Amino acid sequence: GLFIKGGIDNFAYRDRTVTVRGLSERQVNADYVTWPINYNVAGNDLLSLYGQITNYNDLIVKFLTSNGISNSEISVNPPDTYNAAANQYGSNTFQYKYSLSCTITVATTKVDKVRELLARQTELLKEGVPYSNSYINYDFRALNSIKPAMIADATKNAREAADQFAKDSDSKVGKMKTASQGQFSIEDTSSSTPFTKNVRVVSTIVYYLED
């Protein structure tokens, strides 16, 4: 009879659970940046345009390498050429026959250096380079280095929430039944500070409740 009663009590105890979520958030600095530098040239003499983009490329690369960016962190992409005269769907009235779009991309872990050069980029204008910046992408790649600590924080917060619920319901928290770790999200802290990231994870844990 005692064994039967114990089994029934254990069954009832197993039915009482609480589901809680624990949040962990951290602000981190980006550790990798991709910076495309774009410019366009137009004219009627293709060879002359080739000489022009060669000069602009040299000026941009010199600006970068003389200020701490290595050649291995710089990619000079081939130009994208548009021939207005050969475009059968274009207008017959065009000022220039050829238009060339060029992109030089910096991909580096030197985030602070890139931010410094962005502030000094007008120096290229003095050299006659008609540059423009497309979307500059800042990444945080060292997520694995902070994952264990953040998961521990989320688990601790979930346990605190379970303890509070148990206290309010005149019970106590028992063993963990199930646990699921949510996906980590990495977002900009704001549109004006894309180089600062907010890392977030939510863990969902189910605990048994005891009398």
C-alpha atoms as a PDB file:
ATOM      1  CA  GLY A   1       0.000   0.000   0.000  1.00  0.00           C
ATOM      2  CA  LEU A   2       2.839   2.391   0.826  1.00  0.00           C
ATOM      3  CA  PHE A   3       4.416   1.719  -2.565  1.00  0.00           C
ATOM      4  CA  ILE A   4       1.126   2.416  -4.335  1.00  0.00           C
ATOM      5  CA  LYS A   5       0.617   5.652  -2.392  1.00  0.00           C
ATOM      6  CA  GLY A   6       4.174   6.757  -3.163  1.00  0.00           C
ATOM      7  CA  GLY A   7       3.605   6.144  -6.868  1.00  0.00           C
ATOM      8  CA  ILE A   8       0.400   8.164  -6.841  1.00  0.00           C
ATOM      9  CA  ASP A   9       2.060  11.033  -4.965  1.00  0.00           C
ATOM     10  CA  ASN A  10       4.963  10.987  -7.401  1.00  0.00           C
ATOM     11  CA  PHE A  11       2.574  11.032 -10.376  1.00  0.00           C
ATOM     12  CA  ALA A  12       0.738  14.051  -8.971  1.00  0.00           C
ATOM     13  CA  TYR A  13       4.022  15.779  -8.277  1.00  0.00           C
ATOM     14  CA  ARG A  14       5.173  15.164 -11.860  1.00  0.00           C
ATOM     15  CA  ASP A  15       2.069  16.931 -13.211  1.00  0.00           C
ATOM     16  CA  ARG A  16       2.883  20.187 -11.445  1.00  0.00           C
ATOM     17  CA  THR A  17       5.288  22.261 -13.480  1.00  0.00           C
ATOM     18  CA  VAL A  18       6.103  25.882 -14.191  1.00  0.00           C
ATOM     19  CA  THR A  19       7.458  27.214 -17.466  1.00  0.00           C
ATOM     20  CA  VAL A  20       9.750  30.220 -17.212  1.00  0.00           C
ATOM     21  CA  ARG A  21      11.959  32.203 -19.571  1.00  0.00           C
ATOM     22  CA  GLY A  22      15.341  33.663 -18.812  1.00  0.00           C
ATOM     23  CA  LEU A  23      16.790  36.570 -20.769  1.00  0.00           C
ATOM     24  CA  SER A  24      20.423  37.515 -21.233  1.00  0.00           C
ATOM     25  CA  GLU A  25      21.555  40.621 -23.135  1.00  0.00           C
ATOM     26  CA  ARG A  26      24.948  42.148 -23.798  1.00  0.00           C
ATOM     27  CA  GLN A  27      26.269  45.115 -25.726  1.00  0.00           C
ATOM     28  CA  VAL A  28      29.421  44.415 -27.704  1.00  0.00           C
ATOM     29  CA  ASN A  29      31.551  46.214 -30.243  1.00  0.00           C
ATOM     30  CA  ALA A  30      31.670  44.958 -33.829  1.00  0.00           C
ATOM     31  CA  ASP A  31      34.855  43.059 -34.614  1.00  0.00           C
ATOM     32  CA  TYR A  32      34.627  42.941 -38.423  1.00  0.00           C
ATOM     33  CA  VAL A  33      33.654  45.508 -41.042  1.00  0.00           C
ATOM     34  CA  THR A  34      33.013  45.431 -44.782  1.00  0.00           C
ATOM     35  CA  TRP A  35      33.363  48.852 -46.416  1.00  0.00           C
ATOM     36  CA  PRO A  36      32.584  49.278 -50.131  1.00  0.00           C
ATOM     37  CA  ILE A  37      33.947  52.449 -51.773  1.00  0.00           C
ATOM     38  CA  ASN A  38      32.146  53.183 -55.043  1.00  0.00           C
ATOM     39  CA  TYR A  39      32.613  55.656 -57.846  1.00  0.00           C
ATOM     40  CA  ASN A  40      31.348  56.176 -61.401  1.00  0.00           C
ATOM     41  CA  VAL A  41      32.924  57.663 -64.498  1.00  0.00           C
ATOM     42  CA  ALA A  42      31.377  58.423 -67.883  1.00  0.00           C
ATOM     43  CA  GLY A  43      32.640  59.431 -71.297  1.00  0.00           C
ATOM     44  CA  ASN A  44      32.839  58.539 -74.961  1.00  0.00           C
ATOM     45  CA  ASP A  45      36.404  57.190 -75.094  1.00  0.00           C
ATOM     46  CA  LEU A  46      36.657  53.792 -73.421  1.00  0.00           C
ATOM     47  CA  LEU A  47      40.462  53.786 -73.301  1.00  0.00           C
ATOM     48  CA  SER A  48      40.478  57.203 -71.664  1.00  0.00           C
ATOM     49  CA  LEU A  49      37.993  55.953 -69.059  1.00  0.00           C
ATOM     50  CA  TYR A  50      40.195  52.939 -68.378  1.00  0.00           C
ATOM     51  CA  GLY A  51      43.108  55.261 -67.611  1.00  0.00           C
ATOM     52  CA  GLN A  52      40.853  57.327 -65.370  1.00  0.00           C
ATOM     53  CA  ILE A  53      39.659  54.391 -63.266  1.00  0.00           C
ATOM     54  CA  THR A  54      43.211  53.045 -63.024  1.00  0.00           C
ATOM     55  CA  ASN A  55      44.284  56.382 -61.556  1.00  0.00           C
ATOM     56  CA  TYR A  56      41.332  56.507 -59.150  1.00  0.00           C
ATOM     57  CA  ASN A  57      41.965  52.939 -57.995  1.00  0.00           C
ATOM     58  CA  ASP A  58      45.606  53.740 -57.306  1.00  0.00           C
ATOM     59  CA  LEU A  59      44.649  56.828 -55.296  1.00  0.00           C
ATOM     60  CA  ILE A  60      42.103  54.938 -53.196  1.00  0.00           C
ATOM     61  CA  VAL A  61      44.427  52.011 -52.508  1.00  0.00           C
ATOM     62  CA  LYS A  62      47.245  54.413 -51.596  1.00  0.00           C
ATOM     63  CA  PHE A  63      44.925  56.257 -49.194  1.00  0.00           C
ATOM     64  CA  LEU A  64      44.021  52.965 -47.509  1.00  0.00           C
ATOM     65  CA  THR A  65      47.449  51.323 -47.346  1.00  0.00           C
ATOM     66  CA  SER A  66      49.184  54.476 -46.145  1.00  0.00           C
ATOM     67  CA  ASN A  67      46.733  54.613 -43.245  1.00  0.00           C
ATOM     68  CA  GLY A  68      46.969  51.114 -41.806  1.00  0.00           C
ATOM     69  CA  ILE A  69      44.913  48.919 -44.147  1.00  0.00           C
ATOM     70  CA  SER A  70      46.891  46.068 -45.721  1.00  0.00           C
ATOM     71  CA  ASN A  71      46.647  44.989 -49.353  1.00  0.00           C
ATOM     72  CA  SER A  72      45.215  41.637 -48.256  1.00  0.00           C
ATOM     73  CA  GLU A  73      42.247  43.501 -46.763  1.00  0.00           C
ATOM     74  CA  ILE A  74      41.487  45.350 -50.009  1.00  0.00           C
ATOM     75  CA  SER A  75      39.613  43.982 -53.023  1.00  0.00           C
ATOM     76  CA  VAL A  76      39.612  45.937 -56.292  1.00  0.00           C
ATOM     77  CA  ASN A  77      36.650  44.694 -58.289  1.00  0.00           C
ATOM     78  CA  PRO A  78      36.563  44.887 -62.102  1.00  0.00           C
ATOM     79  CA  PRO A  79      34.458  47.759 -63.434  1.00  0.00           C
ATOM     80  CA  ASP A  80      30.872  47.271 -64.532  1.00  0.00           C
ATOM     81  CA  THR A  81      30.585  48.819 -68.006  1.00  0.00           C
ATOM     82  CA  TYR A  82      27.399  50.215 -69.512  1.00  0.00           C
ATOM     83  CA  ASN A  83      27.253  51.045 -73.224  1.00  0.00           C
ATOM     84  CA  ALA A  84      24.371  53.434 -73.835  1.00  0.00           C
ATOM     85  CA  ALA A  85      24.687  53.165 -77.616  1.00  0.00           C
ATOM     86  CA  ALA A  86      24.316  49.373 -77.494  1.00  0.00           C
ATOM     87  CA  ASN A  87      21.252  49.416 -75.236  1.00  0.00           C
ATOM     88  CA  GLN A  88      18.297  48.824 -77.546  1.00  0.00           C
ATOM     89  CA  TYR A  89      15.830  49.718 -74.788  1.00  0.00           C
ATOM     90  CA  GLY A  90      17.557  52.958 -73.835  1.00  0.00           C
ATOM     91  CA  SER A  91      17.023  56.466 -75.100  1.00  0.00           C
ATOM     92  CA  ASN A  92      18.664  57.555 -78.335  1.00  0.00           C
ATOM     93  CA  THR A  93      19.659  60.803 -76.693  1.00  0.00           C
ATOM     94  CA  PHE A  94      22.518  60.289 -74.260  1.00  0.00           C
ATOM     95  CA  GLN A  95      25.331  62.562 -73.160  1.00  0.00           C
ATOM     96  CA  TYR A  96      27.995  59.864 -72.841  1.00  0.00           C
ATOM     97  CA  LYS A  97      28.335  56.573 -74.634  1.00  0.00           C
ATOM     98  CA  TYR A  98      30.030  54.710 -71.779  1.00  0.00           C
ATOM     99  CA  SER A  99      29.468  54.600 -68.036  1.00  0.00           C
ATOM    100  CA  LEU A 100      31.726  52.612 -65.713  1.00  0.00           C
ATOM    101  CA  SER A 101      30.899  51.715 -62.111  1.00  0.00           C
ATOM    102  CA  CYS A 102      33.776  50.665 -59.856  1.00  0.00           C
ATOM    103  CA  THR A 103      33.943  49.301 -56.310  1.00  0.00           C
ATOM    104  CA  ILE A 104      36.900  48.856 -53.990  1.00  0.00           C
ATOM    105  CA  THR A 105      36.013  46.858 -50.880  1.00  0.00           C
ATOM    106  CA  VAL A 106      37.762  46.845 -47.520  1.00  0.00           C
ATOM    107  CA  ALA A 107      37.106  43.769 -45.355  1.00  0.00           C
ATOM    108  CA  THR A 108      38.956  43.846 -42.059  1.00  0.00           C
ATOM    109  CA  THR A 109      38.905  43.365 -38.305  1.00  0.00           C
ATOM    110  CA  LYS A 110      40.278  46.915 -37.915  1.00  0.00           C
ATOM    111  CA  VAL A 111      36.914  48.444 -37.128  1.00  0.00           C
ATOM    112  CA  ASP A 112      38.274  51.497 -35.297  1.00  0.00           C
ATOM    113  CA  LYS A 113      40.690  52.186 -38.157  1.00  0.00           C
ATOM    114  CA  VAL A 114      37.889  52.096 -40.718  1.00  0.00           C
ATOM    115  CA  ARG A 115      35.790  54.471 -38.633  1.00  0.00           C
ATOM    116  CA  GLU A 116      38.781  56.824 -38.505  1.00  0.00           C
ATOM    117  CA  LEU A 117      39.261  56.666 -42.281  1.00  0.00           C
ATOM    118  CA  LEU A 118      35.568  57.270 -42.896  1.00  0.00           C
ATOM    119  CA  ALA A 119      35.952  60.578 -41.077  1.00  0.00           C
ATOM    120  CA  ARG A 120      38.983  61.409 -43.248  1.00  0.00           C
ATOM    121  CA  GLN A 121      37.576  60.181 -46.530  1.00  0.00           C
ATOM    122  CA  THR A 122      37.131  63.702 -47.862  1.00  0.00           C
ATOM    123  CA  GLU A 123      40.878  63.637 -48.473  1.00  0.00           C
ATOM    124  CA  LEU A 124      40.022  61.603 -51.567  1.00  0.00           C
ATOM    125  CA  LEU A 125      37.953  64.492 -52.878  1.00  0.00           C
ATOM    126  CA  LYS A 126      41.072  66.654 -52.845  1.00  0.00           C
ATOM    127  CA  GLU A 127      42.608  64.053 -55.174  1.00  0.00           C
ATOM    128  CA  GLY A 128      39.586  64.297 -57.475  1.00  0.00           C
ATOM    129  CA  VAL A 129      38.081  60.914 -56.628  1.00  0.00           C
ATOM    130  CA  PRO A 130      34.254  61.130 -56.892  1.00  0.00           C
ATOM    131  CA  TYR A 131      33.622  58.388 -54.307  1.00  0.00           C
ATOM    132  CA  SER A 132      30.432  57.325 -52.597  1.00  0.00           C
ATOM    133  CA  ASN A 133      29.782  54.806 -49.821  1.00  0.00           C
ATOM    134  CA  SER A 134      27.224  52.056 -50.146  1.00  0.00           C
ATOM    135  CA  TYR A 135      26.065  50.117 -47.082  1.00  0.00           C
ATOM    136  CA  ILE A 136      28.894  49.619 -44.593  1.00  0.00           C
ATOM    137  CA  ASN A 137      28.371  46.316 -42.797  1.00  0.00           C
ATOM    138  CA  TYR A 138      29.576  45.818 -39.222  1.00  0.00           C
ATOM    139  CA  ASP A 139      29.629  42.272 -37.827  1.00  0.00           C
ATOM    140  CA  PHE A 140      30.255  40.621 -34.474  1.00  0.00           C
ATOM    141  CA  ARG A 141      31.936  37.274 -35.106  1.00  0.00           C
ATOM    142  CA  ALA A 142      33.119  36.332 -31.612  1.00  0.00           C
ATOM    143  CA  LEU A 143      29.718  35.040 -30.494  1.00  0.00           C
ATOM    144  CA  ASN A 144      31.100  31.668 -29.383  1.00  0.00           C
ATOM    145  CA  SER A 145      33.342  33.401 -26.853  1.00  0.00           C
ATOM    146  CA  ILE A 146      30.369  34.832 -24.940  1.00  0.00           C
ATOM    147  CA  LYS A 147      27.773  32.099 -25.535  1.00  0.00           C
ATOM    148  CA  PRO A 148      28.495  29.997 -22.398  1.00  0.00           C
ATOM    149  CA  ALA A 149      28.332  32.973 -20.036  1.00  0.00           C
ATOM    150  CA  MET A 150      25.135  34.294 -21.633  1.00  0.00           C
ATOM    151  CA  ILE A 151      23.435  30.896 -21.462  1.00  0.00           C
ATOM    152  CA  ALA A 152      24.415  30.672 -17.788  1.00  0.00           C
ATOM    153  CA  ASP A 153      22.939  34.129 -17.162  1.00  0.00           C
ATOM    154  CA  ALA A 154      19.703  33.227 -18.956  1.00  0.00           C
ATOM    155  CA  THR A 155      19.410  30.006 -16.955  1.00  0.00           C
ATOM    156  CA  LYS A 156      20.012  31.885 -13.703  1.00  0.00           C
ATOM    157  CA  ASN A 157      17.334  34.437 -14.572  1.00  0.00           C
ATOM    158  CA  ALA A 158      14.888  31.674 -15.427  1.00  0.00           C
ATOM    159  CA  ARG A 159      15.551  29.970 -12.072  1.00  0.00           C
ATOM    160  CA  GLU A 160      14.946  33.255 -10.236  1.00  0.00           C
ATOM    161  CA  ALA A 161      11.626  33.621 -12.022  1.00  0.00           C
ATOM    162  CA  ALA A 162      10.684  30.040 -11.095  1.00  0.00           C
ATOM    163  CA  ASP A 163      11.650  30.629  -7.460  1.00  0.00           C
ATOM    164  CA  GLN A 164       9.459  33.716  -7.332  1.00  0.00           C
ATOM    165  CA  PHE A 165       6.515  31.855  -8.849  1.00  0.00           C
ATOM    166  CA  ALA A 166       6.958  28.996  -6.372  1.00  0.00           C
ATOM    167  CA  LYS A 167       7.104  31.440  -3.480  1.00  0.00           C
ATOM    168  CA  ASP A 168       3.890  33.118  -4.600  1.00  0.00           C
ATOM    169  CA  SER A 169       2.144  29.736  -4.951  1.00  0.00           C
ATOM    170  CA  ASP A 170       3.355  28.297  -1.620  1.00  0.00           C
ATOM    171  CA  SER A 171       5.473  25.635  -3.292  1.00  0.00           C
ATOM    172  CA  LYS A 172       9.100  25.095  -4.107  1.00  0.00           C
ATOM    173  CA  VAL A 173      11.041  24.475  -7.277  1.00  0.00           C
ATOM    174  CA  GLY A 174      12.077  20.911  -7.982  1.00  0.00           C
ATOM    175  CA  LYS A 175      14.185  19.389 -10.702  1.00  0.00           C
ATOM    176  CA  MET A 176      14.381  20.716 -14.235  1.00  0.00           C
ATOM    177  CA  LYS A 177      12.026  18.883 -16.613  1.00  0.00           C
ATOM    178  CA  THR A 178      13.021  20.353 -19.968  1.00  0.00           C
ATOM    179  CA  ALA A 179      15.117  23.228 -21.224  1.00  0.00           C
ATOM    180  CA  SER A 180      15.377  24.838 -24.633  1.00  0.00           C
ATOM    181  CA  GLN A 181      17.828  27.494 -25.678  1.00  0.00           C
ATOM    182  CA  GLY A 182      16.486  30.145 -28.017  1.00  0.00           C
ATOM    183  CA  GLN A 183      18.438  31.460 -30.969  1.00  0.00           C
ATOM    184  CA  PHE A 184      20.980  34.190 -30.388  1.00  0.00           C
ATOM    185  CA  SER A 185      20.126  37.468 -32.085  1.00  0.00           C
ATOM    186  CA  ILE A 186      22.620  40.201 -32.938  1.00  0.00           C
ATOM    187  CA  GLU A 187      21.221  43.612 -33.821  1.00  0.00           C
ATOM    188  CA  ASP A 188      22.471  47.180 -34.063  1.00  0.00           C
ATOM    189  CA  THR A 189      21.932  49.135 -30.865  1.00  0.00           C
ATOM    190  CA  SER A 190      20.692  51.985 -33.081  1.00  0.00           C
ATOM    191  CA  SER A 191      20.781  53.120 -36.700  1.00  0.00           C
ATOM    192  CA  SER A 192      23.368  55.760 -35.826  1.00  0.00           C
ATOM    193  CA  THR A 193      25.717  53.285 -34.086  1.00  0.00           C
ATOM    194  CA  PRO A 194      25.816  50.168 -36.313  1.00  0.00           C
ATOM    195  CA  PHE A 195      29.281  49.345 -34.933  1.00  0.00           C
ATOM    196  CA  THR A 196      27.752  48.604 -31.505  1.00  0.00           C
ATOM    197  CA  LYS A 197      25.695  45.426 -31.295  1.00  0.00           C
ATOM    198  CA  ASN A 198      23.101  44.094 -28.889  1.00  0.00           C
ATOM    199  CA  VAL A 199      23.357  40.328 -28.373  1.00  0.00           C
ATOM    200  CA  ARG A 200      20.267  38.616 -26.967  1.00  0.00           C
ATOM    201  CA  VAL A 201      19.172  35.098 -26.065  1.00  0.00           C
ATOM    202  CA  VAL A 202      16.105  33.703 -24.286  1.00  0.00           C
ATOM    203  CA  SER A 203      16.098  30.263 -22.659  1.00  0.00           C
ATOM    204  CA  THR A 204      12.834  28.457 -21.874  1.00  0.00           C
ATOM    205  CA  ILE A 205      12.945  26.061 -18.922  1.00  0.00           C
ATOM    206  CA  VAL A 206      10.276  23.860 -17.361  1.00  0.00           C
ATOM    207  CA  TYR A 207      10.696  23.024 -13.644  1.00  0.00           C
ATOM    208  CA  TYR A 208       8.759  20.600 -11.494  1.00  0.00           C
ATOM    209  CA  LEU A 209       6.991  22.115  -8.505  1.00  0.00           C
ATOM    210  CA  GLU A 210       6.934  20.484  -5.093  1.00  0.00           C
ATOM    211  CA  ASP A 211       4.783  21.126  -2.043  1.00  0.00           C
END
